[in-house]
Amino acid sequence: MDILMAPIIIFMVVVAPIWLVLHYRSKRQVSQGLTEEEFAMLNGLIAKAEKMSQRIETLEAILDTDSPEWRSKHERA
């Protein structure tokens, strides 16, 4: 029984408080949401996705006029 007391005391005095501090610090960071840098990056990615979507629509319109069967050829492949 005395052999287990020393590791238990060390755990309770040293490891447990550090563990709790790190746990609640990470919980707080998750609950805060995105940082300004991450939010700006996300907005940039949204703008790029919208631009790419417009380009794809334009390319599909060009292909529809130049080669009307391109969609059926693509679906068969």
Protein backbone atom coordinates (compact mmCIF):
# COMPACT_ATOMS: atom_id res chain seq x y z
CA MET A 1 0.00 0.00 0.00
CA ASP A 2 2.85 2.39 0.79
CA ILE A 3 4.35 1.69 -2.64
CA LEU A 4 1.25 3.09 -4.37
CA MET A 5 0.95 6.18 -2.18
CA ALA A 6 4.01 7.98 -3.58
CA PRO A 7 2.97 7.73 -7.27
CA ILE A 8 -0.62 8.70 -6.41
CA ILE A 9 0.54 11.76 -4.47
CA ILE A 10 2.93 12.80 -7.26
CA PHE A 11 0.15 12.37 -9.80
CA MET A 12 -2.32 14.45 -7.76
CA VAL A 13 0.18 17.22 -7.01
CA VAL A 14 2.03 17.52 -10.33
CA VAL A 15 0.32 15.77 -13.24
CA ALA A 16 -3.38 16.36 -12.50
CA PRO A 17 -3.17 20.19 -12.22
CA ILE A 18 -1.13 20.46 -15.44
CA TRP A 19 -3.56 18.12 -17.17
CA LEU A 20 -6.56 20.18 -16.02
CA VAL A 21 -5.01 23.49 -17.08
CA LEU A 22 -4.16 22.19 -20.53
CA HIS A 23 -7.57 20.58 -20.94
CA TYR A 24 -9.54 23.73 -20.11
CA ARG A 25 -7.19 25.93 -22.15
CA SER A 26 -7.86 23.80 -25.24
CA LYS A 27 -11.63 23.87 -24.51
CA ARG A 28 -11.53 27.68 -24.35
CA GLN A 29 -9.66 27.92 -27.65
CA VAL A 30 -12.18 25.67 -29.38
CA SER A 31 -15.14 27.64 -28.03
CA GLN A 32 -13.68 30.98 -29.15
CA GLY A 33 -14.14 30.08 -32.81
CA LEU A 34 -11.98 31.24 -35.67
CA THR A 35 -9.16 33.72 -35.30
CA GLU A 36 -9.15 36.80 -37.54
CA GLU A 37 -6.45 35.21 -39.69
CA GLU A 38 -8.47 32.01 -40.13
CA PHE A 39 -11.62 34.02 -40.88
CA ALA A 40 -9.78 36.05 -43.54
CA MET A 41 -8.39 32.84 -45.06
CA LEU A 42 -11.88 31.32 -45.12
CA ASN A 43 -13.30 34.39 -46.86
CA GLY A 44 -10.49 34.22 -49.41
CA LEU A 45 -11.27 30.57 -50.11
CA ILE A 46 -14.97 31.37 -50.50
CA ALA A 47 -14.15 34.11 -53.03
CA LYS A 48 -11.89 31.73 -54.98
CA ALA A 49 -14.59 29.04 -55.00
CA GLU A 50 -17.18 31.50 -56.33
CA LYS A 51 -14.77 32.66 -59.03
CA MET A 52 -14.02 29.06 -60.02
CA SER A 53 -17.75 28.28 -60.15
CA GLN A 54 -18.29 31.20 -62.53
CA ARG A 55 -15.40 30.01 -64.71
CA ILE A 56 -16.82 26.48 -64.84
CA GLU A 57 -20.24 27.83 -65.87
CA THR A 58 -18.58 29.90 -68.61
CA LEU A 59 -16.59 26.90 -69.86
CA GLU A 60 -19.70 24.73 -69.90
CA ALA A 61 -21.58 27.37 -71.86
CA ILE A 62 -18.73 27.53 -74.41
CA LEU A 63 -18.67 23.75 -74.69
CA ASP A 64 -22.47 23.66 -75.10
CA THR A 65 -22.23 25.94 -78.14
CA ASP A 66 -19.09 24.40 -79.67
CA SER A 67 -19.81 20.73 -78.99
CA PRO A 68 -23.41 20.06 -77.90
CA GLU A 69 -22.76 16.35 -77.30
CA TRP A 70 -19.90 16.84 -74.85
CA ARG A 71 -22.05 16.07 -71.81
CA SER A 72 -23.28 12.75 -73.19
CA LYS A 73 -19.73 11.80 -74.23
CA HIS A 74 -18.51 12.58 -70.74
CA GLU A 75 -21.28 10.56 -69.05
CA ARG A 76 -20.45 7.47 -71.16
CA ALA A 77 -16.79 7.58 -70.22
